[in-house]
C-alpha atoms as a PDB file:
ATOM      1  CA  UNK A   1       7.186 -41.384 -17.776  1.00  0.00           C
ATOM      2  CA  UNK A   2       5.449 -39.743 -20.523  1.00  0.00           C
ATOM      3  CA  UNK A   3       3.970 -41.868 -23.782  1.00  0.00           C
ATOM      4  CA  UNK A   4       4.641 -41.459 -27.022  1.00  0.00           C
ATOM      5  CA  UNK A   5       1.582 -40.122 -29.186  1.00  0.00           C
ATOM      6  CA  UNK A   6       0.442 -42.691 -31.448  1.00  0.00           C
ATOM      7  CA  UNK A   7       0.637 -42.473 -35.231  1.00  0.00           C
ATOM      8  CA  UNK A   8      -2.718 -42.712 -35.811  1.00  0.00           C
ATOM      9  CA  UNK A   9      -3.629 -39.772 -33.257  1.00  0.00           C
ATOM     10  CA  UNK A  10      -1.259 -37.343 -35.077  1.00  0.00           C
ATOM     11  CA  UNK A  11      -4.112 -35.231 -36.915  1.00  0.00           C
ATOM     12  CA  UNK A  12      -5.858 -34.953 -33.714  1.00  0.00           C
ATOM     13  CA  UNK A  13      -5.081 -32.494 -31.143  1.00  0.00           C
ATOM     14  CA  UNK A  14      -3.531 -34.274 -28.329  1.00  0.00           C
ATOM     15  CA  UNK A  15      -3.112 -33.587 -24.600  1.00  0.00           C
ATOM     16  CA  UNK A  16      -0.505 -31.803 -23.580  1.00  0.00           C
ATOM     17  CA  UNK A  17      -0.232 -33.946 -20.003  1.00  0.00           C
ATOM     18  CA  UNK A  18       0.252 -37.693 -20.420  1.00  0.00           C
ATOM     19  CA  UNK A  19       0.487 -38.625 -17.285  1.00  0.00           C
ATOM     20  CA  UNK A  20      -2.269 -41.312 -15.114  1.00  0.00           C
ATOM     21  CA  UNK A  21      -4.767 -39.838 -13.747  1.00  0.00           C
ATOM     22  CA  UNK A  22      -3.991 -40.055  -9.978  1.00  0.00           C
ATOM     23  CA  UNK A  23      -1.123 -37.629 -10.878  1.00  0.00           C
ATOM     24  CA  UNK A  24      -3.479 -35.312 -12.518  1.00  0.00           C
ATOM     25  CA  UNK A  25      -5.724 -35.275  -9.084  1.00  0.00           C
ATOM     26  CA  UNK A  26      -3.014 -35.091  -6.912  1.00  0.00           C
ATOM     27  CA  UNK A  27      -2.041 -31.569  -8.816  1.00  0.00           C
ATOM     28  CA  UNK A  28      -5.519 -30.223  -8.977  1.00  0.00           C
ATOM     29  CA  UNK A  29      -5.914 -31.092  -5.316  1.00  0.00           C
ATOM     30  CA  UNK A  30      -2.794 -29.280  -3.944  1.00  0.00           C
ATOM     31  CA  UNK A  31      -4.195 -26.543  -6.142  1.00  0.00           C
ATOM     32  CA  UNK A  32      -7.579 -26.239  -4.384  1.00  0.00           C
ATOM     33  CA  UNK A  33      -5.980 -27.216  -0.862  1.00  0.00           C
ATOM     34  CA  UNK A  34      -4.059 -23.776  -1.424  1.00  0.00           C
ATOM     35  CA  UNK A  35      -6.847 -21.732  -2.809  1.00  0.00           C
ATOM     36  CA  UNK A  36      -9.219 -22.646   0.409  1.00  0.00           C
ATOM     37  CA  UNK A  37      -6.241 -22.021   2.837  1.00  0.00           C
ATOM     38  CA  UNK A  38      -5.068 -19.073   1.495  1.00  0.00           C
ATOM     39  CA  UNK A  39      -8.085 -17.433  -0.517  1.00  0.00           C
ATOM     40  CA  UNK A  40     -11.104 -19.114   0.590  1.00  0.00           C
ATOM     41  CA  UNK A  41     -10.826 -19.187   4.105  1.00  0.00           C
ATOM     42  CA  UNK A  42      -9.804 -15.754   4.945  1.00  0.00           C
ATOM     43  CA  UNK A  43     -12.408 -14.446   2.928  1.00  0.00           C
ATOM     44  CA  UNK A  44     -15.045 -16.557   4.796  1.00  0.00           C
ATOM     45  CA  UNK A  45     -13.364 -15.544   7.987  1.00  0.00           C
ATOM     46  CA  UNK A  46     -13.961 -11.916   7.059  1.00  0.00           C
ATOM     47  CA  UNK A  47     -17.928 -12.277   6.466  1.00  0.00           C
ATOM     48  CA  UNK A  48     -18.212 -14.388   9.895  1.00  0.00           C
ATOM     49  CA  UNK A  49     -16.265 -12.013  11.991  1.00  0.00           C
ATOM     50  CA  UNK A  50     -18.199  -9.173  10.543  1.00  0.00           C
ATOM     51  CA  UNK A  51     -21.304 -10.796  11.185  1.00  0.00           C
ATOM     52  CA  UNK A  52     -20.270 -12.424  14.592  1.00  0.00           C
ATOM     53  CA  UNK A  53     -22.840 -10.038  16.604  1.00  0.00           C
ATOM     54  CA  UNK A  54     -25.279  -9.338  14.092  1.00  0.00           C
ATOM     55  CA  UNK A  55     -26.615  -7.067  11.500  1.00  0.00           C
ATOM     56  CA  UNK A  56     -27.334  -4.452  14.005  1.00  0.00           C
ATOM     57  CA  UNK A  57     -23.403  -4.133  14.642  1.00  0.00           C
ATOM     58  CA  UNK A  58     -22.659  -4.803  11.187  1.00  0.00           C
ATOM     59  CA  UNK A  59     -24.677  -1.659   9.746  1.00  0.00           C
ATOM     60  CA  UNK A  60     -23.899   0.498  12.862  1.00  0.00           C
ATOM     61  CA  UNK A  61     -19.806   0.334  11.626  1.00  0.00           C
ATOM     62  CA  UNK A  62     -21.015   2.543   8.593  1.00  0.00           C
ATOM     63  CA  UNK A  63     -23.174   4.691  10.460  1.00  0.00           C
ATOM     64  CA  UNK A  64     -20.159   6.374  12.348  1.00  0.00           C
ATOM     65  CA  UNK A  65     -18.806   9.795  10.867  1.00  0.00           C
ATOM     66  CA  UNK A  66     -15.479   8.402  10.274  1.00  0.00           C
ATOM     67  CA  UNK A  67     -16.469   5.543   8.298  1.00  0.00           C
ATOM     68  CA  UNK A  68     -18.518   7.781   5.998  1.00  0.00           C
ATOM     69  CA  UNK A  69     -15.520  10.235   5.467  1.00  0.00           C
ATOM     70  CA  UNK A  70     -13.136   6.895   4.874  1.00  0.00           C
ATOM     71  CA  UNK A  71     -16.066   5.960   1.936  1.00  0.00           C
ATOM     72  CA  UNK A  72     -16.354   9.307   0.774  1.00  0.00           C
ATOM     73  CA  UNK A  73     -12.049   9.807   0.513  1.00  0.00           C
ATOM     74  CA  UNK A  74     -12.166   6.455  -1.065  1.00  0.00           C
ATOM     75  CA  UNK A  75     -14.322   7.110  -4.119  1.00  0.00           C
ATOM     76  CA  UNK A  76     -12.952  10.737  -4.493  1.00  0.00           C
ATOM     77  CA  UNK A  77      -9.181   8.868  -4.800  1.00  0.00           C
ATOM     78  CA  UNK A  78     -10.846   6.387  -7.200  1.00  0.00           C
ATOM     79  CA  UNK A  79     -13.018   8.695  -9.173  1.00  0.00           C
ATOM     80  CA  UNK A  80      -9.306  10.851  -9.851  1.00  0.00           C
ATOM     81  CA  UNK A  81      -6.827   8.217 -10.433  1.00  0.00           C
ATOM     82  CA  UNK A  82      -8.915   6.234 -12.429  1.00  0.00           C
ATOM     83  CA  UNK A  83      -9.864   8.296 -15.499  1.00  0.00           C
ATOM     84  CA  UNK A  84      -6.120   9.966 -15.134  1.00  0.00           C
ATOM     85  CA  UNK A  85      -4.962   6.236 -15.573  1.00  0.00           C
ATOM     86  CA  UNK A  86      -7.576   5.208 -18.432  1.00  0.00           C
ATOM     87  CA  UNK A  87      -6.386   8.457 -20.319  1.00  0.00           C
ATOM     88  CA  UNK A  88      -2.785   7.782 -19.715  1.00  0.00           C
ATOM     89  CA  UNK A  89      -2.991   3.762 -20.580  1.00  0.00           C
ATOM     90  CA  UNK A  90      -4.735   4.762 -24.300  1.00  0.00           C
ATOM     91  CA  UNK A  91      -2.100   6.964 -24.977  1.00  0.00           C
ATOM     92  CA  UNK A  92       0.890   4.964 -24.053  1.00  0.00           C
ATOM     93  CA  UNK A  93      -0.738   1.811 -25.469  1.00  0.00           C
ATOM     94  CA  UNK A  94      -1.863   3.815 -28.632  1.00  0.00           C
ATOM     95  CA  UNK A  95       1.843   5.035 -29.120  1.00  0.00           C
ATOM     96  CA  UNK A  96       3.923   1.627 -28.161  1.00  0.00           C
ATOM     97  CA  UNK A  97       1.386  -0.775 -30.294  1.00  0.00           C
ATOM     98  CA  UNK A  98       1.268   1.606 -33.317  1.00  0.00           C
ATOM     99  CA  UNK A  99       4.501   3.578 -33.743  1.00  0.00           C
ATOM    100  CA  UNK A 100       8.016   3.070 -33.605  1.00  0.00           C
ATOM    101  CA  UNK A 101      10.159   5.755 -31.552  1.00  0.00           C
ATOM    102  CA  UNK A 102      13.214   5.959 -29.902  1.00  0.00           C
ATOM    103  CA  UNK A 103      12.767   5.435 -26.489  1.00  0.00           C
ATOM    104  CA  UNK A 104       9.811   3.038 -27.013  1.00  0.00           C
ATOM    105  CA  UNK A 105      11.501   0.019 -24.859  1.00  0.00           C
ATOM    106  CA  UNK A 106      12.491   2.683 -22.056  1.00  0.00           C
ATOM    107  CA  UNK A 107       8.794   3.629 -21.696  1.00  0.00           C
ATOM    108  CA  UNK A 108       7.891   0.118 -21.478  1.00  0.00           C
ATOM    109  CA  UNK A 109      10.222  -0.119 -18.573  1.00  0.00           C
ATOM    110  CA  UNK A 110       8.891   2.350 -16.970  1.00  0.00           C
ATOM    111  CA  UNK A 111       5.326   1.478 -17.187  1.00  0.00           C
ATOM    112  CA  UNK A 112       6.097  -1.473 -15.659  1.00  0.00           C
ATOM    113  CA  UNK A 113       7.900   0.133 -12.565  1.00  0.00           C
ATOM    114  CA  UNK A 114       5.535   0.097 -10.230  1.00  0.00           C
ATOM    115  CA  UNK A 115       5.203  -3.637 -10.491  1.00  0.00           C
ATOM    116  CA  UNK A 116       8.905  -3.567  -8.916  1.00  0.00           C
ATOM    117  CA  UNK A 117       9.061  -1.193  -6.204  1.00  0.00           C
ATOM    118  CA  UNK A 118       7.030  -1.654  -3.616  1.00  0.00           C
ATOM    119  CA  UNK A 119       3.889   0.435  -2.301  1.00  0.00           C
ATOM    120  CA  UNK A 120       5.626   1.563   0.890  1.00  0.00           C
ATOM    121  CA  UNK A 121       9.183   2.696  -0.951  1.00  0.00           C
ATOM    122  CA  UNK A 122       6.845   4.760  -3.194  1.00  0.00           C
ATOM    123  CA  UNK A 123       4.773   6.391  -0.670  1.00  0.00           C
ATOM    124  CA  UNK A 124       8.396   7.032   1.230  1.00  0.00           C
ATOM    125  CA  UNK A 125       9.676   9.049  -2.301  1.00  0.00           C
ATOM    126  CA  UNK A 126       6.743  11.232  -2.382  1.00  0.00           C
ATOM    127  CA  UNK A 127       7.450  12.224   1.261  1.00  0.00           C
ATOM    128  CA  UNK A 128      11.120  13.077   0.217  1.00  0.00           C
ATOM    129  CA  UNK A 129       9.815  14.803  -2.624  1.00  0.00           C
ATOM    130  CA  UNK A 130       6.492  17.155  -1.292  1.00  0.00           C
ATOM    131  CA  UNK A 131       7.422  16.747   2.379  1.00  0.00           C
ATOM    132  CA  UNK A 132       8.104  19.300   4.648  1.00  0.00           C
ATOM    133  CA  UNK A 133      11.775  18.585   4.632  1.00  0.00           C
ATOM    134  CA  UNK A 134      11.706  17.278   1.130  1.00  0.00           C
ATOM    135  CA  UNK A 135      13.184  18.554  -2.011  1.00  0.00           C
ATOM    136  CA  UNK A 136      10.119  20.921  -2.894  1.00  0.00           C
ATOM    137  CA  UNK A 137       8.471  20.842   0.622  1.00  0.00           C
ATOM    138  CA  UNK A 138       9.838  24.156   1.622  1.00  0.00           C
ATOM    139  CA  UNK A 139       8.687  25.815  -1.611  1.00  0.00           C
ATOM    140  CA  UNK A 140       5.200  24.226  -0.785  1.00  0.00           C
ATOM    141  CA  UNK A 141       5.105  25.240   2.478  1.00  0.00           C
ATOM    142  CA  UNK A 142       6.109  28.808   1.726  1.00  0.00           C
ATOM    143  CA  UNK A 143       3.299  29.129  -0.994  1.00  0.00           C
ATOM    144  CA  UNK A 144       0.775  27.197   1.614  1.00  0.00           C
ATOM    145  CA  UNK A 145       0.528  24.346  -0.920  1.00  0.00           C
ATOM    146  CA  UNK A 146      -0.125  20.716   0.613  1.00  0.00           C
ATOM    147  CA  UNK A 147       0.370  17.747  -0.962  1.00  0.00           C
ATOM    148  CA  UNK A 148       1.569  15.328   1.653  1.00  0.00           C
ATOM    149  CA  UNK A 149      -0.663  14.563   5.048  1.00  0.00           C
ATOM    150  CA  UNK A 150      -3.433  15.344   2.455  1.00  0.00           C
ATOM    151  CA  UNK A 151      -5.671  14.469  -0.396  1.00  0.00           C
ATOM    152  CA  UNK A 152      -3.327  15.246  -3.821  1.00  0.00           C
ATOM    153  CA  UNK A 153      -0.432  13.164  -1.841  1.00  0.00           C
ATOM    154  CA  UNK A 154      -2.935  10.173  -1.442  1.00  0.00           C
ATOM    155  CA  UNK A 155      -4.210  10.624  -5.014  1.00  0.00           C
ATOM    156  CA  UNK A 156      -0.457  10.806  -6.329  1.00  0.00           C
ATOM    157  CA  UNK A 157       0.454   7.797  -4.383  1.00  0.00           C
ATOM    158  CA  UNK A 158      -2.951   5.761  -6.084  1.00  0.00           C
ATOM    159  CA  UNK A 159      -1.930   6.744  -9.139  1.00  0.00           C
ATOM    160  CA  UNK A 160       1.819   5.866  -8.908  1.00  0.00           C
ATOM    161  CA  UNK A 161       0.427   1.936  -7.844  1.00  0.00           C
ATOM    162  CA  UNK A 162      -2.183   1.829 -10.370  1.00  0.00           C
ATOM    163  CA  UNK A 163      -0.928   3.709 -13.827  1.00  0.00           C
ATOM    164  CA  UNK A 164       0.353   0.307 -15.179  1.00  0.00           C
ATOM    165  CA  UNK A 165      -2.602  -1.489 -14.807  1.00  0.00           C
ATOM    166  CA  UNK A 166      -4.594  -0.141 -18.230  1.00  0.00           C
ATOM    167  CA  UNK A 167      -1.422  -0.039 -20.009  1.00  0.00           C
ATOM    168  CA  UNK A 168      -0.082  -3.319 -19.543  1.00  0.00           C
ATOM    169  CA  UNK A 169      -3.668  -4.694 -20.698  1.00  0.00           C
ATOM    170  CA  UNK A 170      -3.915  -2.679 -23.904  1.00  0.00           C
ATOM    171  CA  UNK A 171      -0.531  -2.809 -24.937  1.00  0.00           C
ATOM    172  CA  UNK A 172      -0.310  -6.698 -25.857  1.00  0.00           C
ATOM    173  CA  UNK A 173      -4.011  -6.625 -26.977  1.00  0.00           C
ATOM    174  CA  UNK A 174      -3.320  -3.339 -29.653  1.00  0.00           C
ATOM    175  CA  UNK A 175       0.029  -5.312 -30.812  1.00  0.00           C
ATOM    176  CA  UNK A 176      -1.958  -8.264 -31.445  1.00  0.00           C
ATOM    177  CA  UNK A 177      -4.723  -6.414 -33.267  1.00  0.00           C
ATOM    178  CA  UNK A 178      -1.623  -4.305 -35.688  1.00  0.00           C
ATOM    179  CA  UNK A 179      -2.511  -1.462 -37.768  1.00  0.00           C
ATOM    180  CA  UNK A 180      -4.201  -2.701 -40.943  1.00  0.00           C
ATOM    181  CA  UNK A 181      -7.508  -1.439 -39.771  1.00  0.00           C
ATOM    182  CA  UNK A 182      -6.156   2.085 -38.811  1.00  0.00           C
ATOM    183  CA  UNK A 183      -4.213   2.163 -42.217  1.00  0.00           C
ATOM    184  CA  UNK A 184      -7.043   1.293 -44.171  1.00  0.00           C
ATOM    185  CA  UNK A 185      -9.349   4.138 -42.669  1.00  0.00           C
ATOM    186  CA  UNK A 186      -6.908   6.748 -43.004  1.00  0.00           C
ATOM    187  CA  UNK A 187      -6.282   5.971 -46.898  1.00  0.00           C
ATOM    188  CA  UNK A 188     -10.307   6.350 -46.970  1.00  0.00           C
ATOM    189  CA  UNK A 189      -9.574  10.039 -46.092  1.00  0.00           C
ATOM    190  CA  UNK A 190     -10.681   9.792 -42.153  1.00  0.00           C
ATOM    191  CA  UNK A 191      -8.675  11.776 -39.677  1.00  0.00           C
ATOM    192  CA  UNK A 192      -6.312   9.982 -36.685  1.00  0.00           C
ATOM    193  CA  UNK A 193      -9.128  10.915 -34.138  1.00  0.00           C
ATOM    194  CA  UNK A 194     -11.730   9.454 -36.070  1.00  0.00           C
ATOM    195  CA  UNK A 195      -9.896   6.276 -37.029  1.00  0.00           C
ATOM    196  CA  UNK A 196      -9.259   6.242 -33.372  1.00  0.00           C
ATOM    197  CA  UNK A 197     -12.822   6.357 -32.215  1.00  0.00           C
ATOM    198  CA  UNK A 198     -14.403   4.279 -34.920  1.00  0.00           C
ATOM    199  CA  UNK A 199     -11.486   1.240 -35.232  1.00  0.00           C
ATOM    200  CA  UNK A 200      -9.332   1.187 -32.518  1.00  0.00           C
ATOM    201  CA  UNK A 201     -11.523   1.909 -29.446  1.00  0.00           C
ATOM    202  CA  UNK A 202     -14.147  -0.371 -30.248  1.00  0.00           C
ATOM    203  CA  UNK A 203     -11.505  -3.059 -31.023  1.00  0.00           C
ATOM    204  CA  UNK A 204     -10.277  -2.879 -27.419  1.00  0.00           C
ATOM    205  CA  UNK A 205     -13.375  -1.823 -25.619  1.00  0.00           C
ATOM    206  CA  UNK A 206     -13.428  -5.172 -23.602  1.00  0.00           C
ATOM    207  CA  UNK A 207      -9.642  -4.919 -23.060  1.00  0.00           C
ATOM    208  CA  UNK A 208     -10.328  -1.293 -21.937  1.00  0.00           C
ATOM    209  CA  UNK A 209     -13.155  -2.209 -19.500  1.00  0.00           C
ATOM    210  CA  UNK A 210     -11.548  -4.716 -17.801  1.00  0.00           C
ATOM    211  CA  UNK A 211      -8.046  -2.916 -17.016  1.00  0.00           C
ATOM    212  CA  UNK A 212     -10.680  -0.025 -16.044  1.00  0.00           C
ATOM    213  CA  UNK A 213     -12.003  -2.675 -13.316  1.00  0.00           C
ATOM    214  CA  UNK A 214      -9.107  -3.805 -11.852  1.00  0.00           C
ATOM    215  CA  UNK A 215      -7.263  -0.046 -12.143  1.00  0.00           C
ATOM    216  CA  UNK A 216     -10.615   0.923  -9.702  1.00  0.00           C
ATOM    217  CA  UNK A 217     -10.214  -2.236  -7.411  1.00  0.00           C
ATOM    218  CA  UNK A 218      -6.503  -1.668  -6.437  1.00  0.00           C
ATOM    219  CA  UNK A 219      -7.001   2.005  -6.137  1.00  0.00           C
ATOM    220  CA  UNK A 220      -9.468   1.675  -3.724  1.00  0.00           C
ATOM    221  CA  UNK A 221      -8.022  -1.314  -1.746  1.00  0.00           C
ATOM    222  CA  UNK A 222      -4.165   0.418  -1.765  1.00  0.00           C
ATOM    223  CA  UNK A 223      -3.191   0.432   1.512  1.00  0.00           C
ATOM    224  CA  UNK A 224       1.060   0.419   1.427  1.00  0.00           C
ATOM    225  CA  UNK A 225       1.596   3.861  -0.370  1.00  0.00           C
ATOM    226  CA  UNK A 226      -1.528   5.577   0.615  1.00  0.00           C
ATOM    227  CA  UNK A 227      -0.474   4.606   4.619  1.00  0.00           C
ATOM    228  CA  UNK A 228       2.677   6.254   4.275  1.00  0.00           C
ATOM    229  CA  UNK A 229       1.534   9.809   2.742  1.00  0.00           C
ATOM    230  CA  UNK A 230      -2.028  10.099   4.457  1.00  0.00           C
ATOM    231  CA  UNK A 231      -0.688  10.901   7.845  1.00  0.00           C
ATOM    232  CA  UNK A 232      -3.972   8.729   9.254  1.00  0.00           C
ATOM    233  CA  UNK A 233      -5.877  11.831  10.416  1.00  0.00           C
ATOM    234  CA  UNK A 234      -9.124  10.262  11.366  1.00  0.00           C
ATOM    235  CA  UNK A 235     -11.806  11.594   9.111  1.00  0.00           C
ATOM    236  CA  UNK A 236      -9.529  13.816   6.590  1.00  0.00           C
ATOM    237  CA  UNK A 237      -6.956  11.169   5.118  1.00  0.00           C
ATOM    238  CA  UNK A 238      -7.966   8.025   6.054  1.00  0.00           C
ATOM    239  CA  UNK A 239      -9.253   5.790   3.314  1.00  0.00           C
ATOM    240  CA  UNK A 240     -10.944   2.373   3.960  1.00  0.00           C
ATOM    241  CA  UNK A 241      -8.033   0.006   4.183  1.00  0.00           C
ATOM    242  CA  UNK A 242      -6.425   2.529   6.753  1.00  0.00           C
ATOM    243  CA  UNK A 243     -10.056   2.724   8.571  1.00  0.00           C
ATOM    244  CA  UNK A 244      -9.503  -0.815   8.733  1.00  0.00           C
ATOM    245  CA  UNK A 245      -6.473  -0.811  10.422  1.00  0.00           C
ATOM    246  CA  UNK A 246      -7.576   1.784  12.846  1.00  0.00           C
ATOM    247  CA  UNK A 247     -10.517   0.098  14.105  1.00  0.00           C
ATOM    248  CA  UNK A 248      -8.582  -3.356  14.237  1.00  0.00           C
ATOM    249  CA  UNK A 249      -5.902  -1.440  16.538  1.00  0.00           C
ATOM    250  CA  UNK A 250      -8.633  -0.224  18.737  1.00  0.00           C
ATOM    251  CA  UNK A 251      -9.984  -3.842  19.188  1.00  0.00           C
ATOM    252  CA  UNK A 252     -13.011  -2.962  17.479  1.00  0.00           C
ATOM    253  CA  UNK A 253     -12.892  -6.019  15.586  1.00  0.00           C
ATOM    254  CA  UNK A 254     -16.683  -6.054  14.498  1.00  0.00           C
ATOM    255  CA  UNK A 255     -16.396  -2.909  12.838  1.00  0.00           C
ATOM    256  CA  UNK A 256     -13.248  -3.656  11.758  1.00  0.00           C
ATOM    257  CA  UNK A 257     -14.379  -6.816   9.752  1.00  0.00           C
ATOM    258  CA  UNK A 258     -17.584  -4.975   8.578  1.00  0.00           C
ATOM    259  CA  UNK A 259     -15.292  -2.120   6.784  1.00  0.00           C
ATOM    260  CA  UNK A 260     -13.398  -5.298   5.792  1.00  0.00           C
ATOM    261  CA  UNK A 261     -16.033  -7.003   4.401  1.00  0.00           C
ATOM    262  CA  UNK A 262     -17.340  -3.907   1.890  1.00  0.00           C
ATOM    263  CA  UNK A 263     -13.667  -4.165   0.303  1.00  0.00           C
ATOM    264  CA  UNK A 264     -13.908  -8.022   0.380  1.00  0.00           C
ATOM    265  CA  UNK A 265     -17.398  -7.836  -1.507  1.00  0.00           C
ATOM    266  CA  UNK A 266     -16.147  -5.219  -3.806  1.00  0.00           C
ATOM    267  CA  UNK A 267     -13.140  -8.001  -4.886  1.00  0.00           C
ATOM    268  CA  UNK A 268     -15.956 -10.463  -5.417  1.00  0.00           C
ATOM    269  CA  UNK A 269     -17.775  -8.313  -7.654  1.00  0.00           C
ATOM    270  CA  UNK A 270     -14.631  -7.362  -9.742  1.00  0.00           C
ATOM    271  CA  UNK A 271     -14.280 -10.905 -10.083  1.00  0.00           C
ATOM    272  CA  UNK A 272     -17.360 -11.635 -11.251  1.00  0.00           C
ATOM    273  CA  UNK A 273     -17.555  -8.654 -13.859  1.00  0.00           C
ATOM    274  CA  UNK A 274     -14.393  -9.581 -15.008  1.00  0.00           C
ATOM    275  CA  UNK A 275     -15.453 -13.128 -15.325  1.00  0.00           C
ATOM    276  CA  UNK A 276     -18.110 -11.795 -17.417  1.00  0.00           C
ATOM    277  CA  UNK A 277     -15.915  -9.508 -19.892  1.00  0.00           C
ATOM    278  CA  UNK A 278     -13.279 -12.399 -20.480  1.00  0.00           C
ATOM    279  CA  UNK A 279     -16.458 -14.223 -21.465  1.00  0.00           C
ATOM    280  CA  UNK A 280     -17.664 -11.835 -23.989  1.00  0.00           C
ATOM    281  CA  UNK A 281     -14.026 -10.908 -25.397  1.00  0.00           C
ATOM    282  CA  UNK A 282     -13.776 -14.653 -25.868  1.00  0.00           C
ATOM    283  CA  UNK A 283     -17.420 -14.493 -27.519  1.00  0.00           C
ATOM    284  CA  UNK A 284     -16.175 -11.680 -29.916  1.00  0.00           C
ATOM    285  CA  UNK A 285     -12.933 -12.945 -30.783  1.00  0.00           C
ATOM    286  CA  UNK A 286     -14.598 -16.528 -31.678  1.00  0.00           C
ATOM    287  CA  UNK A 287     -17.317 -14.598 -33.476  1.00  0.00           C
ATOM    288  CA  UNK A 288     -14.604 -12.534 -35.587  1.00  0.00           C
ATOM    289  CA  UNK A 289     -12.727 -15.952 -36.481  1.00  0.00           C
ATOM    290  CA  UNK A 290     -16.015 -17.493 -37.622  1.00  0.00           C
ATOM    291  CA  UNK A 291     -16.377 -14.079 -39.733  1.00  0.00           C
ATOM    292  CA  UNK A 292     -13.302 -14.134 -41.498  1.00  0.00           C
END
């Protein structure tokens, strides 16, 4: 049962939780147990299995031509999808946060669409549109353009599942900042582009870097949508997650876990950089509050 706050404590910030220490430790212990079981244990298992036969077997997994092709394709797809999402995310966020226009709520809903659609379903949609028997498939074949089972299809599927990351991070950030600073810059004679470059962009830099980091990690680790549109052609359309699946299905467990450890390492680096960006962003907010 919660306790009433004494009158003498009204002026001080009170803890939201007033339950006893036993309840708090039970909740903390439950959270730690879930993290250990569903996060830490699988992560440790990946690295243990990857090094089960030593460093030589681990490094041998990355010397194969198929592994090189998978790494190269993964980097190419991320290098195309992430900048596209950055441009779209900044433009959409700027429009939604700074302007009023018809269809604004619809645009926000469409940005959230990939969060509610299964990646497998999104990949299937691209097959139904661009596949040989799809909506415009015959026209593509007639003009010798291949989308599905080729790099363009993988890029399109990756863009679809990752494009909310930048926009959804920047929209609330820009809305919180308001339009006062941009309006002041315009009043002083700055152009729209100059105001964006010197006022808006510096204000969102840490949120932008954070969203780019998450977008890149998801782009490099996407499996469902890419699996549908890739065709699983070894050395041509297999990204790192698909390469891991093929190695595992071939009972090449050490190699599959070795390649998986590369993706797990990317996740750990993402987590570390994310924490650093959050700390820097909080420090900037605190500094701004002291300045005011």
